[in-house]
C-alpha atoms as a PDB file:
ATOM      1  CA  MET A   1       0.621  -0.064  -0.239  1.00  0.00           C
ATOM      2  CA  SER A   2       1.095   3.466  -0.995  1.00  0.00           C
ATOM      3  CA  GLU A   3       0.568   6.299   1.747  1.00  0.00           C
ATOM      4  CA  SER A   4      -2.620   7.712   0.191  1.00  0.00           C
ATOM      5  CA  GLY A   5      -4.010   3.749   1.395  1.00  0.00           C
ATOM      6  CA  ALA A   6      -4.488   2.854  -2.506  1.00  0.00           C
ATOM      7  CA  ALA A   7      -2.884  -1.024  -3.579  1.00  0.00           C
ATOM      8  CA  ARG A   8      -0.194  -0.188  -5.720  1.00  0.00           C
ATOM      9  CA  ILE A   9       0.445  -2.456  -8.933  1.00  0.00           C
ATOM     10  CA  ARG A  10       4.089  -3.244 -11.136  1.00  0.00           C
ATOM     11  CA  VAL A  11       4.058  -1.814 -15.134  1.00  0.00           C
ATOM     12  CA  ASN A  12       6.587  -1.680 -17.191  1.00  0.00           C
ATOM     13  CA  ILE A  13       6.701   0.727 -19.366  1.00  0.00           C
ATOM     14  CA  ASP A  14       9.665   0.444 -22.358  1.00  0.00           C
ATOM     15  CA  ARG A  15      11.565  -2.123 -20.370  1.00  0.00           C
ATOM     16  CA  LEU A  16      11.741   0.350 -17.359  1.00  0.00           C
ATOM     17  CA  ALA A  17      10.082  -1.937 -13.577  1.00  0.00           C
ATOM     18  CA  LEU A  18       7.881   0.824 -11.715  1.00  0.00           C
ATOM     19  CA  GLU A  19       5.196   0.214  -8.644  1.00  0.00           C
ATOM     20  CA  VAL A  20       2.250   2.434  -9.347  1.00  0.00           C
ATOM     21  CA  ASP A  21      -1.157   3.351  -7.823  1.00  0.00           C
ATOM     22  CA  ALA A  22      -4.060   1.407  -8.060  1.00  0.00           C
ATOM     23  CA  GLY A  23      -5.798   3.149 -10.660  1.00  0.00           C
ATOM     24  CA  THR A  24      -3.484   4.681 -11.774  1.00  0.00           C
ATOM     25  CA  THR A  25      -3.980   5.308 -16.017  1.00  0.00           C
ATOM     26  CA  VAL A  26      -0.711   4.414 -18.396  1.00  0.00           C
ATOM     27  CA  ALA A  27      -1.179   7.661 -20.010  1.00  0.00           C
ATOM     28  CA  ALA A  28       0.290   8.942 -16.230  1.00  0.00           C
ATOM     29  CA  ALA A  29       2.479   6.162 -15.611  1.00  0.00           C
ATOM     30  CA  LEU A  30       3.960   7.361 -19.080  1.00  0.00           C
ATOM     31  CA  VAL A  31       4.896  10.306 -17.855  1.00  0.00           C
ATOM     32  CA  LEU A  32       6.293   8.621 -14.322  1.00  0.00           C
ATOM     33  CA  ALA A  33       8.957   6.712 -16.797  1.00  0.00           C
ATOM     34  CA  GLY A  34       9.969   9.466 -18.430  1.00  0.00           C
ATOM     35  CA  ALA A  35       8.360   8.450 -21.211  1.00  0.00           C
ATOM     36  CA  SER A  36       5.652   9.272 -23.843  1.00  0.00           C
ATOM     37  CA  GLY A  37       2.915   7.224 -26.087  1.00  0.00           C
ATOM     38  CA  GLY A  38       3.480   9.738 -29.690  1.00  0.00           C
ATOM     39  CA  ALA A  39       0.760  12.152 -31.491  1.00  0.00           C
ATOM     40  CA  ARG A  40      -1.072   8.459 -31.997  1.00  0.00           C
ATOM     41  CA  LEU A  41      -1.610   5.716 -29.417  1.00  0.00           C
ATOM     42  CA  SER A  42      -3.051   2.499 -30.427  1.00  0.00           C
ATOM     43  CA  VAL A  43      -5.518   2.870 -27.198  1.00  0.00           C
ATOM     44  CA  LEU A  44      -6.265   6.006 -25.122  1.00  0.00           C
ATOM     45  CA  ALA A  45      -3.751   6.178 -22.391  1.00  0.00           C
ATOM     46  CA  CYS A  46      -5.864   8.273 -20.572  1.00  0.00           C
ATOM     47  CA  GLN A  47      -8.832   6.656 -20.612  1.00  0.00           C
ATOM     48  CA  THR A  48      -7.288   3.027 -20.432  1.00  0.00           C
ATOM     49  CA  LEU A  49      -6.138   1.870 -16.056  1.00  0.00           C
ATOM     50  CA  CYS A  50      -3.187   0.040 -16.127  1.00  0.00           C
ATOM     51  CA  ARG A  51      -3.323  -3.678 -15.199  1.00  0.00           C
ATOM     52  CA  ASP A  52      -0.833  -5.513 -12.290  1.00  0.00           C
ATOM     53  CA  GLY A  53       1.878  -6.950 -14.901  1.00  0.00           C
ATOM     54  CA  GLN A  54       0.693  -4.700 -17.935  1.00  0.00           C
ATOM     55  CA  ILE A  55       3.624  -4.486 -20.194  1.00  0.00           C
ATOM     56  CA  VAL A  56       3.754  -0.821 -22.630  1.00  0.00           C
ATOM     57  CA  ASN A  57       5.694  -0.516 -25.458  1.00  0.00           C
ATOM     58  CA  THR A  58       6.081   2.611 -27.332  1.00  0.00           C
ATOM     59  CA  GLN A  59       6.776   3.388 -30.589  1.00  0.00           C
ATOM     60  CA  LYS A  60       9.437   4.846 -29.679  1.00  0.00           C
ATOM     61  CA  ALA A  61      10.838   1.724 -27.682  1.00  0.00           C
ATOM     62  CA  ASN A  62       9.868  -0.425 -30.920  1.00  0.00           C
ATOM     63  CA  THR A  63      12.817   1.874 -32.493  1.00  0.00           C
ATOM     64  CA  ARG A  64      15.935   0.926 -30.970  1.00  0.00           C
END
């Protein structure tokens, strides 16, 4: 649990492991990871909640 009392979940953004509060959006996790989803996302990152164990690869990561 975080200081706010929210459960924590693990996500992976462009190979960077993060722990975020349950209820965090993918867009917020991208910001925390210092990543960017680019102008066009395949899902609506601002409306999609992170799931425990979720792996997110941005277009930037796919070009490496």
